[in-house]
N, C-alpha and C. Protein backbone atom coordinates (compact mmCIF):
# COMPACT_ATOMS: atom_id res chain seq x y z
N MET A 1 102.84 126.04 80.69
CA MET A 1 102.99 124.64 80.43
C MET A 1 101.93 124.21 79.43
N GLN A 2 102.34 123.51 78.41
CA GLN A 2 101.39 122.99 77.45
C GLN A 2 101.27 121.50 77.62
N LEU A 3 100.08 120.99 77.47
CA LEU A 3 99.82 119.58 77.62
C LEU A 3 99.38 119.02 76.28
N ALA A 4 99.86 117.84 75.96
CA ALA A 4 99.47 117.22 74.70
C ALA A 4 98.49 116.10 74.99
N GLY A 5 97.69 115.76 74.02
CA GLY A 5 96.76 114.65 74.18
C GLY A 5 95.41 115.01 73.61
N ALA A 6 94.55 114.05 73.56
CA ALA A 6 93.21 114.27 73.04
C ALA A 6 92.21 113.61 73.97
N VAL A 7 91.03 114.14 73.98
CA VAL A 7 89.97 113.54 74.77
C VAL A 7 89.54 112.28 74.06
N GLY A 8 89.53 111.15 74.78
CA GLY A 8 89.24 109.87 74.17
C GLY A 8 87.77 109.49 74.24
N VAL A 9 87.44 108.40 73.62
CA VAL A 9 86.09 107.89 73.60
C VAL A 9 85.93 106.94 74.77
N VAL A 10 84.78 107.00 75.42
CA VAL A 10 84.50 106.13 76.55
C VAL A 10 83.69 104.95 76.05
N ALA A 11 84.23 103.75 76.19
CA ALA A 11 83.52 102.54 75.79
C ALA A 11 83.07 101.81 77.04
N GLU A 12 81.88 101.23 77.03
CA GLU A 12 81.35 100.56 78.21
C GLU A 12 81.22 99.06 77.96
N GLN A 13 81.43 98.30 79.03
CA GLN A 13 81.20 96.87 78.99
C GLN A 13 80.85 96.43 80.40
N THR A 14 80.09 95.36 80.52
CA THR A 14 79.68 94.87 81.83
C THR A 14 80.78 93.98 82.39
N GLU A 15 81.10 94.21 83.68
CA GLU A 15 82.18 93.47 84.31
C GLU A 15 82.09 93.65 85.83
N ALA A 16 82.32 92.58 86.59
CA ALA A 16 82.37 92.70 88.05
C ALA A 16 83.73 93.27 88.41
N GLY A 17 83.82 93.97 89.53
CA GLY A 17 85.09 94.59 89.87
C GLY A 17 85.39 94.61 91.35
N LYS A 18 86.65 94.79 91.66
CA LYS A 18 87.14 94.91 93.03
C LYS A 18 88.33 95.85 92.99
N LEU A 19 88.46 96.73 94.01
CA LEU A 19 89.55 97.69 94.03
C LEU A 19 90.90 96.99 94.08
N ASP A 20 91.74 97.31 93.15
CA ASP A 20 93.11 96.82 93.08
C ASP A 20 93.86 97.90 92.32
N ALA A 21 94.81 98.56 92.97
CA ALA A 21 95.48 99.72 92.39
C ALA A 21 96.12 99.43 91.04
N THR A 22 96.46 98.17 90.77
CA THR A 22 97.11 97.84 89.51
C THR A 22 96.11 97.33 88.48
N ALA A 23 95.37 96.30 88.84
CA ALA A 23 94.49 95.66 87.87
C ALA A 23 93.18 96.42 87.65
N ASN A 24 92.61 97.01 88.71
CA ASN A 24 91.33 97.70 88.57
C ASN A 24 91.29 98.91 89.50
N PRO A 25 92.05 99.97 89.20
CA PRO A 25 92.14 101.10 90.12
C PRO A 25 90.84 101.89 90.26
N TYR A 26 89.89 101.66 89.38
CA TYR A 26 88.65 102.42 89.43
C TYR A 26 87.55 101.73 90.23
N GLU A 27 87.78 100.53 90.71
CA GLU A 27 86.81 99.76 91.49
C GLU A 27 85.42 99.84 90.86
N VAL A 28 85.36 99.54 89.58
CA VAL A 28 84.10 99.61 88.86
C VAL A 28 83.37 98.29 89.02
N ALA A 29 82.13 98.33 89.51
CA ALA A 29 81.40 97.11 89.80
C ALA A 29 80.54 96.65 88.62
N ALA A 30 79.58 97.46 88.20
CA ALA A 30 78.63 97.01 87.20
C ALA A 30 79.06 97.36 85.78
N VAL A 31 79.59 98.52 85.59
CA VAL A 31 79.97 98.94 84.25
C VAL A 31 81.44 99.34 84.26
N ALA A 32 82.23 98.65 83.46
CA ALA A 32 83.65 98.99 83.36
C ALA A 32 83.83 99.89 82.15
N ARG A 33 84.57 100.93 82.33
CA ARG A 33 84.82 101.85 81.23
C ARG A 33 86.30 101.88 80.93
N GLU A 34 86.64 101.75 79.69
CA GLU A 34 88.03 101.87 79.29
C GLU A 34 88.31 103.36 79.10
N VAL A 35 89.17 103.89 79.95
CA VAL A 35 89.49 105.31 79.91
C VAL A 35 90.96 105.43 79.54
N LYS A 36 91.23 105.99 78.38
CA LYS A 36 92.60 106.04 77.88
C LYS A 36 93.26 107.40 78.03
N ASP A 37 92.53 108.39 78.52
CA ASP A 37 93.09 109.73 78.59
C ASP A 37 93.17 110.28 80.02
N GLN A 38 93.15 109.41 81.01
CA GLN A 38 93.38 109.78 82.40
C GLN A 38 94.03 108.58 83.07
N TYR A 39 94.71 108.81 84.19
CA TYR A 39 95.41 107.70 84.83
C TYR A 39 95.56 107.93 86.32
N MET A 40 95.74 106.83 87.03
CA MET A 40 96.01 106.88 88.47
C MET A 40 97.52 107.01 88.66
N PHE A 41 97.92 107.86 89.59
CA PHE A 41 99.32 108.00 89.98
C PHE A 41 99.37 107.51 91.43
N GLY A 42 99.71 106.23 91.59
CA GLY A 42 99.60 105.60 92.90
C GLY A 42 98.14 105.34 93.22
N ASP A 43 97.83 105.19 94.51
CA ASP A 43 96.47 104.91 94.94
C ASP A 43 95.67 106.18 95.23
N ALA A 44 96.34 107.32 95.32
CA ALA A 44 95.68 108.53 95.81
C ALA A 44 95.38 109.59 94.75
N LEU A 45 96.13 109.63 93.67
CA LEU A 45 96.00 110.72 92.70
C LEU A 45 95.42 110.23 91.37
N LEU A 46 94.46 110.99 90.86
CA LEU A 46 93.89 110.75 89.54
C LEU A 46 94.26 111.95 88.68
N VAL A 47 94.97 111.70 87.57
CA VAL A 47 95.46 112.76 86.69
C VAL A 47 94.67 112.70 85.39
N ALA A 48 94.15 113.85 84.99
CA ALA A 48 93.33 113.93 83.78
C ALA A 48 93.82 115.08 82.89
N PRO A 49 94.82 114.82 82.03
CA PRO A 49 95.34 115.87 81.14
C PRO A 49 94.27 116.36 80.17
N ILE A 50 94.48 117.55 79.66
CA ILE A 50 93.55 118.11 78.68
C ILE A 50 94.36 118.62 77.49
N ALA A 51 93.82 118.43 76.30
CA ALA A 51 94.48 118.90 75.08
C ALA A 51 94.45 120.43 75.05
N PRO A 52 95.51 121.05 74.53
CA PRO A 52 95.55 122.52 74.47
C PRO A 52 94.37 123.13 73.71
N SER A 53 93.82 122.41 72.75
CA SER A 53 92.71 122.95 71.96
C SER A 53 91.35 122.76 72.64
N ALA A 54 91.28 121.94 73.67
CA ALA A 54 90.00 121.66 74.34
C ALA A 54 89.72 122.69 75.44
N LYS A 55 88.48 123.05 75.58
CA LYS A 55 88.06 123.99 76.64
C LYS A 55 87.62 123.23 77.89
N THR A 56 87.04 122.05 77.71
CA THR A 56 86.58 121.21 78.82
C THR A 56 86.93 119.77 78.53
N ARG A 57 86.77 118.94 79.54
CA ARG A 57 86.94 117.50 79.35
C ARG A 57 86.13 116.77 80.39
N LYS A 58 85.79 115.53 80.09
CA LYS A 58 85.08 114.68 81.04
C LYS A 58 86.10 113.85 81.80
N VAL A 59 85.84 113.66 83.10
CA VAL A 59 86.71 112.88 83.95
C VAL A 59 85.85 111.85 84.68
N LEU A 60 86.23 110.59 84.61
CA LEU A 60 85.54 109.52 85.33
C LEU A 60 86.17 109.41 86.71
N LEU A 61 85.40 109.77 87.74
CA LEU A 61 85.88 109.64 89.12
C LEU A 61 85.53 108.25 89.62
N PRO A 62 86.51 107.51 90.11
CA PRO A 62 86.27 106.16 90.63
C PRO A 62 85.40 106.19 91.89
N ALA A 63 85.10 105.01 92.42
CA ALA A 63 84.35 104.90 93.67
C ALA A 63 85.10 105.63 94.78
N GLY A 64 84.38 106.17 95.71
CA GLY A 64 84.97 106.93 96.80
C GLY A 64 84.86 108.42 96.52
N LYS A 65 85.13 109.22 97.54
CA LYS A 65 85.05 110.67 97.39
C LYS A 65 86.37 111.21 96.86
N TRP A 66 86.28 112.18 95.95
CA TRP A 66 87.45 112.77 95.30
C TRP A 66 87.43 114.28 95.45
N TYR A 67 88.63 114.86 95.64
CA TYR A 67 88.78 116.29 95.89
C TYR A 67 89.76 116.90 94.88
N ASP A 68 89.54 118.16 94.55
CA ASP A 68 90.45 118.87 93.66
C ASP A 68 91.80 119.05 94.35
N PHE A 69 92.88 118.72 93.68
CA PHE A 69 94.23 118.80 94.25
C PHE A 69 94.58 120.21 94.68
N TYR A 70 94.22 121.20 93.90
CA TYR A 70 94.64 122.58 94.14
C TYR A 70 93.82 123.30 95.20
N THR A 71 92.51 123.04 95.23
CA THR A 71 91.63 123.78 96.13
C THR A 71 91.14 122.96 97.32
N GLY A 72 91.14 121.65 97.20
CA GLY A 72 90.59 120.79 98.25
C GLY A 72 89.08 120.69 98.19
N LYS A 73 88.44 121.31 97.21
CA LYS A 73 86.99 121.25 97.10
C LYS A 73 86.55 119.87 96.65
N PHE A 74 85.42 119.42 97.17
CA PHE A 74 84.84 118.14 96.79
C PHE A 74 84.52 118.16 95.30
N ALA A 75 84.97 117.13 94.56
CA ALA A 75 84.75 117.06 93.12
C ALA A 75 83.63 116.09 92.76
N GLY A 76 83.45 115.03 93.56
CA GLY A 76 82.41 114.05 93.27
C GLY A 76 82.84 112.67 93.70
N GLU A 77 81.97 111.70 93.45
CA GLU A 77 82.30 110.31 93.76
C GLU A 77 81.58 109.38 92.79
N ASN A 78 82.33 108.44 92.25
CA ASN A 78 81.80 107.40 91.39
C ASN A 78 80.89 107.97 90.30
N GLN A 79 81.40 108.97 89.59
CA GLN A 79 80.60 109.62 88.56
C GLN A 79 81.52 110.25 87.51
N THR A 80 80.93 110.66 86.41
CA THR A 80 81.66 111.38 85.38
C THR A 80 81.35 112.87 85.57
N ILE A 81 82.41 113.67 85.64
CA ILE A 81 82.24 115.12 85.77
C ILE A 81 82.88 115.81 84.58
N GLU A 82 82.52 117.05 84.36
CA GLU A 82 83.14 117.83 83.30
C GLU A 82 83.92 118.96 83.95
N VAL A 83 85.18 119.12 83.56
CA VAL A 83 86.03 120.15 84.14
C VAL A 83 86.55 121.06 83.03
N ALA A 84 86.90 122.28 83.44
CA ALA A 84 87.46 123.27 82.51
C ALA A 84 88.73 123.83 83.13
N PRO A 85 89.80 123.03 83.16
CA PRO A 85 91.03 123.50 83.79
C PRO A 85 91.78 124.48 82.90
N SER A 86 92.63 125.28 83.52
CA SER A 86 93.49 126.15 82.73
C SER A 86 94.66 125.32 82.21
N LEU A 87 95.34 125.80 81.21
CA LEU A 87 96.44 125.04 80.63
C LEU A 87 97.66 125.00 81.54
N ASP A 88 97.73 125.87 82.54
CA ASP A 88 98.88 125.85 83.43
C ASP A 88 98.65 125.01 84.68
N ALA A 89 97.49 124.39 84.81
CA ALA A 89 97.19 123.54 85.96
C ALA A 89 96.41 122.31 85.49
N MET A 90 97.10 121.19 85.38
CA MET A 90 96.47 119.95 84.93
C MET A 90 95.42 119.50 85.94
N SER A 91 94.37 118.88 85.48
CA SER A 91 93.32 118.36 86.37
C SER A 91 93.88 117.19 87.17
N VAL A 92 93.91 117.36 88.50
CA VAL A 92 94.38 116.31 89.40
C VAL A 92 93.37 116.22 90.54
N PHE A 93 92.99 114.99 90.88
CA PHE A 93 92.03 114.76 91.95
C PHE A 93 92.65 113.81 92.97
N VAL A 94 92.26 114.00 94.24
CA VAL A 94 92.86 113.25 95.33
C VAL A 94 91.77 112.49 96.07
N LYS A 95 92.03 111.22 96.36
CA LYS A 95 91.07 110.37 97.06
C LYS A 95 90.94 110.77 98.52
N ASP A 96 89.73 110.67 99.04
CA ASP A 96 89.40 111.00 100.42
C ASP A 96 90.34 110.29 101.39
N GLY A 97 90.90 111.05 102.35
CA GLY A 97 91.77 110.50 103.37
C GLY A 97 93.23 110.42 102.97
N SER A 98 93.55 110.81 101.76
CA SER A 98 94.93 110.69 101.29
C SER A 98 95.84 111.76 101.89
N LEU A 99 97.09 111.38 102.12
CA LEU A 99 98.14 112.29 102.54
C LEU A 99 99.10 112.45 101.38
N ILE A 100 99.34 113.70 100.98
CA ILE A 100 100.21 113.99 99.84
C ILE A 100 101.40 114.81 100.34
N PRO A 101 102.62 114.23 100.35
CA PRO A 101 103.81 114.99 100.78
C PRO A 101 104.36 115.82 99.63
N LEU A 102 104.73 117.07 99.93
CA LEU A 102 105.25 117.99 98.91
C LEU A 102 106.47 118.72 99.44
N LEU A 103 107.42 118.97 98.56
CA LEU A 103 108.53 119.86 98.87
C LEU A 103 108.12 121.28 98.50
N ALA A 104 108.89 122.24 98.93
CA ALA A 104 108.60 123.64 98.60
C ALA A 104 108.48 123.81 97.10
N GLU A 105 107.60 124.71 96.69
CA GLU A 105 107.32 124.91 95.28
C GLU A 105 108.54 125.31 94.47
N ASN A 106 109.47 126.02 95.08
CA ASN A 106 110.64 126.50 94.34
C ASN A 106 111.78 125.50 94.28
N ARG A 107 111.64 124.34 94.90
CA ARG A 107 112.71 123.32 94.86
C ARG A 107 112.65 122.57 93.54
N GLN A 108 113.79 122.46 92.89
CA GLN A 108 113.86 121.74 91.63
C GLN A 108 114.72 120.48 91.74
N TRP A 109 115.16 120.14 92.95
CA TRP A 109 116.01 118.99 93.14
C TRP A 109 115.72 118.37 94.50
N THR A 110 116.14 117.13 94.66
CA THR A 110 115.98 116.47 95.95
C THR A 110 117.08 116.94 96.90
N PRO A 111 116.88 116.80 98.20
CA PRO A 111 117.91 117.26 99.15
C PRO A 111 119.22 116.48 98.98
N ALA A 112 120.32 117.16 99.21
CA ALA A 112 121.63 116.49 99.23
C ALA A 112 121.66 115.56 100.44
N ALA A 113 122.61 114.64 100.45
CA ALA A 113 122.67 113.63 101.51
C ALA A 113 122.70 114.23 102.91
N SER A 114 123.35 115.37 103.10
CA SER A 114 123.46 115.97 104.42
C SER A 114 122.48 117.11 104.65
N GLU A 115 121.64 117.42 103.67
CA GLU A 115 120.72 118.55 103.74
C GLU A 115 119.36 118.13 104.32
N THR A 116 118.74 119.03 105.10
CA THR A 116 117.37 118.81 105.54
C THR A 116 116.51 119.95 105.02
N VAL A 117 115.29 119.63 104.66
CA VAL A 117 114.36 120.62 104.12
C VAL A 117 112.99 120.45 104.77
N ALA A 118 112.16 121.48 104.65
CA ALA A 118 110.80 121.42 105.19
C ALA A 118 109.92 120.58 104.26
N LEU A 119 108.97 119.90 104.85
CA LEU A 119 108.04 119.06 104.10
C LEU A 119 106.62 119.55 104.38
N GLU A 120 105.83 119.68 103.34
CA GLU A 120 104.41 119.99 103.50
C GLU A 120 103.63 118.72 103.23
N VAL A 121 102.72 118.38 104.14
CA VAL A 121 101.87 117.21 103.95
C VAL A 121 100.43 117.69 103.92
N ARG A 122 99.76 117.41 102.81
CA ARG A 122 98.36 117.80 102.65
C ARG A 122 97.46 116.61 102.96
N HIS A 123 96.41 116.88 103.73
CA HIS A 123 95.38 115.86 104.00
C HIS A 123 94.11 116.30 103.28
N TYR A 124 93.54 115.39 102.49
CA TYR A 124 92.34 115.69 101.71
C TYR A 124 91.14 114.95 102.27
N GLY A 125 90.02 115.64 102.35
CA GLY A 125 88.75 115.01 102.69
C GLY A 125 88.47 114.90 104.17
N GLU A 126 87.60 113.94 104.50
CA GLU A 126 87.14 113.75 105.87
C GLU A 126 87.51 112.40 106.45
N ALA A 127 88.11 111.53 105.68
CA ALA A 127 88.51 110.22 106.19
C ALA A 127 89.90 110.30 106.82
N PRO A 128 90.17 109.49 107.85
CA PRO A 128 91.54 109.46 108.39
C PRO A 128 92.49 108.94 107.32
N GLY A 129 93.77 109.25 107.47
CA GLY A 129 94.73 108.82 106.46
C GLY A 129 96.06 108.40 107.07
N LYS A 130 96.76 107.52 106.35
CA LYS A 130 98.09 107.05 106.74
C LYS A 130 98.96 107.01 105.50
N LEU A 131 100.25 107.23 105.74
CA LEU A 131 101.22 107.16 104.64
C LEU A 131 102.57 106.75 105.20
N ALA A 132 103.20 105.77 104.58
CA ALA A 132 104.58 105.40 104.91
C ALA A 132 105.47 106.12 103.91
N LEU A 133 106.32 107.03 104.40
CA LEU A 133 107.16 107.86 103.54
C LEU A 133 108.59 107.32 103.53
N TYR A 134 109.03 106.89 102.35
CA TYR A 134 110.37 106.34 102.16
C TYR A 134 111.37 107.47 101.95
N ASP A 135 112.59 107.31 102.47
CA ASP A 135 113.64 108.30 102.27
C ASP A 135 115.00 107.61 102.28
N ASP A 136 115.87 108.00 101.37
CA ASP A 136 117.26 107.56 101.40
C ASP A 136 118.13 108.76 101.04
N ASP A 137 119.45 108.57 100.89
CA ASP A 137 120.32 109.73 100.66
C ASP A 137 120.17 110.33 99.26
N GLY A 138 119.51 109.63 98.35
CA GLY A 138 119.26 110.18 97.03
C GLY A 138 120.47 110.24 96.12
N GLU A 139 121.61 109.75 96.57
CA GLU A 139 122.83 109.87 95.77
C GLU A 139 123.56 108.55 95.56
N THR A 140 123.51 107.67 96.53
CA THR A 140 124.30 106.44 96.46
C THR A 140 123.40 105.21 96.39
N PHE A 141 124.04 104.06 96.39
CA PHE A 141 123.32 102.79 96.44
C PHE A 141 123.29 102.24 97.86
N ASP A 142 123.51 103.09 98.86
CA ASP A 142 123.53 102.64 100.25
C ASP A 142 122.19 102.06 100.70
N TYR A 143 121.10 102.39 100.00
CA TYR A 143 119.81 101.81 100.34
C TYR A 143 119.86 100.28 100.23
N GLU A 144 120.75 99.77 99.36
CA GLU A 144 120.90 98.32 99.22
C GLU A 144 121.49 97.70 100.48
N LYS A 145 122.15 98.53 101.30
CA LYS A 145 122.74 98.08 102.57
C LYS A 145 121.83 98.41 103.75
N GLY A 146 120.60 98.83 103.45
CA GLY A 146 119.65 99.13 104.51
C GLY A 146 119.69 100.57 104.98
N GLU A 147 120.38 101.44 104.28
CA GLU A 147 120.46 102.85 104.67
C GLU A 147 119.30 103.64 104.06
N TYR A 148 118.15 103.49 104.63
CA TYR A 148 116.96 104.21 104.23
C TYR A 148 116.01 104.24 105.42
N SER A 149 114.99 105.05 105.34
CA SER A 149 114.03 105.12 106.44
C SER A 149 112.61 105.06 105.90
N TRP A 150 111.72 104.57 106.74
CA TRP A 150 110.28 104.59 106.49
C TRP A 150 109.66 105.35 107.65
N THR A 151 109.18 106.54 107.40
CA THR A 151 108.54 107.35 108.43
C THR A 151 107.03 107.27 108.23
N GLN A 152 106.32 107.03 109.31
CA GLN A 152 104.87 106.89 109.24
C GLN A 152 104.20 108.23 109.53
N LEU A 153 103.35 108.67 108.61
CA LEU A 153 102.56 109.89 108.77
C LEU A 153 101.10 109.47 108.92
N ALA A 154 100.38 110.13 109.81
CA ALA A 154 98.97 109.76 110.02
C ALA A 154 98.15 110.98 110.43
N VAL A 155 96.88 110.93 110.07
CA VAL A 155 95.90 111.94 110.46
C VAL A 155 94.65 111.19 110.89
N GLU A 156 94.12 111.58 112.06
CA GLU A 156 92.88 110.98 112.55
C GLU A 156 92.21 111.94 113.51
N LYS A 157 90.95 111.68 113.81
CA LYS A 157 90.22 112.50 114.77
C LYS A 157 90.44 111.94 116.17
N ASP A 158 90.58 112.85 117.14
CA ASP A 158 90.72 112.40 118.53
C ASP A 158 89.33 112.18 119.13
N ALA A 159 89.27 111.88 120.42
CA ALA A 159 88.01 111.57 121.10
C ALA A 159 87.02 112.74 121.05
N ASN A 160 87.51 113.96 120.92
CA ASN A 160 86.65 115.14 120.86
C ASN A 160 86.25 115.52 119.44
N GLY A 161 86.70 114.75 118.45
CA GLY A 161 86.38 115.02 117.05
C GLY A 161 87.31 116.00 116.37
N ALA A 162 88.38 116.41 117.07
CA ALA A 162 89.36 117.32 116.47
C ALA A 162 90.41 116.51 115.71
N TRP A 163 90.88 117.06 114.60
CA TRP A 163 91.89 116.37 113.81
C TRP A 163 93.25 116.50 114.48
N LYS A 164 94.00 115.40 114.45
CA LYS A 164 95.37 115.43 114.95
C LYS A 164 96.26 114.70 113.95
N SER A 165 97.48 115.16 113.85
CA SER A 165 98.45 114.55 112.93
C SER A 165 99.60 113.99 113.73
N SER A 166 100.27 113.01 113.15
CA SER A 166 101.43 112.43 113.83
C SER A 166 102.50 112.03 112.83
N VAL A 167 103.74 112.11 113.29
CA VAL A 167 104.90 111.68 112.53
C VAL A 167 105.63 110.68 113.40
N THR A 168 105.71 109.43 112.96
CA THR A 168 106.40 108.39 113.70
C THR A 168 107.68 108.05 112.97
N PRO A 169 108.84 108.38 113.56
CA PRO A 169 110.12 108.12 112.90
C PRO A 169 110.35 106.63 112.65
N ASP A 170 111.27 106.35 111.75
CA ASP A 170 111.66 104.98 111.43
C ASP A 170 111.99 104.23 112.72
N ALA A 171 111.49 103.02 112.84
CA ALA A 171 111.71 102.21 114.05
C ALA A 171 113.19 101.92 114.29
N ASN A 172 114.00 101.94 113.25
CA ASN A 172 115.43 101.67 113.39
C ASN A 172 116.24 102.94 113.70
N GLY A 173 115.55 104.06 113.88
CA GLY A 173 116.22 105.30 114.25
C GLY A 173 116.96 105.99 113.12
N ARG A 174 116.72 105.57 111.88
CA ARG A 174 117.41 106.21 110.76
C ARG A 174 116.86 107.61 110.52
N LYS A 175 117.74 108.54 110.24
CA LYS A 175 117.39 109.93 110.01
C LYS A 175 116.73 110.10 108.64
N TRP A 176 115.83 111.09 108.56
CA TRP A 176 115.27 111.44 107.26
C TRP A 176 115.66 112.87 106.92
N HIS A 177 115.35 113.31 105.72
CA HIS A 177 115.84 114.59 105.20
C HIS A 177 114.88 115.76 105.39
N TYR A 178 113.99 115.67 106.37
CA TYR A 178 113.00 116.73 106.54
C TYR A 178 113.13 117.34 107.93
N SER A 179 113.30 118.66 107.97
CA SER A 179 113.53 119.36 109.22
C SER A 179 112.24 119.60 110.00
N GLU A 180 111.15 119.77 109.28
CA GLU A 180 109.87 120.02 109.91
C GLU A 180 108.78 119.54 108.98
N VAL A 181 107.60 119.29 109.55
CA VAL A 181 106.45 118.90 108.75
C VAL A 181 105.36 119.94 108.97
N LYS A 182 104.91 120.53 107.87
CA LYS A 182 103.81 121.49 107.93
C LYS A 182 102.58 120.76 107.40
N TRP A 183 101.53 120.68 108.23
CA TRP A 183 100.30 120.01 107.83
C TRP A 183 99.35 121.03 107.23
N VAL A 184 98.76 120.69 106.09
CA VAL A 184 97.79 121.55 105.41
C VAL A 184 96.51 120.73 105.23
N TRP A 185 95.40 121.29 105.71
CA TRP A 185 94.11 120.61 105.64
C TRP A 185 93.38 121.08 104.39
N MET A 186 93.24 120.20 103.40
CA MET A 186 92.66 120.56 102.11
C MET A 186 91.18 120.15 102.06
N ASN A 187 90.40 120.69 102.98
CA ASN A 187 88.98 120.35 102.99
C ASN A 187 88.14 121.43 103.68
N GLY A 188 88.59 122.63 103.65
CA GLY A 188 87.83 123.73 104.19
C GLY A 188 87.88 123.89 105.69
N ARG A 189 88.71 123.09 106.38
CA ARG A 189 88.84 123.23 107.84
C ARG A 189 89.63 124.46 108.15
């Protein structure tokens, strides 16, 4: 896989900030930096492409703890780091406590309306996490008639400090397309 793009210039300006996934996803308080060569994908993933000609690149990690998507290793928090990713694996970082649902690596399509598949859910870091996972048939407009489900996924520590995961089906009893959930702990546990 080849990635296009160039490492941009970091410009600084003073600005007060508050976390807002749309307006200020980096929760920068004292110094705001305009970063044009990395982006947030939702609230949990930070993507930092690298130009094919570059050997390394700088990545501004927002407030909070961030982990490498592929290894689960701690990457840093509220700082600029330098990474040297390979061209076949884009630099992706995951916020502490995030749950990332994944289909099998060899799947190139979404499940058919009547098909069920296994789901892998990765938990990153040491903070508890929650995720509402949306699902519909993927083929029709029946979601407009309410034919969809919201399944709640959660990870937290029990009274003994052991991690436990839970899957809470849609309150309306609607079926989802996943036959099983495999939990993967991406933090050295």
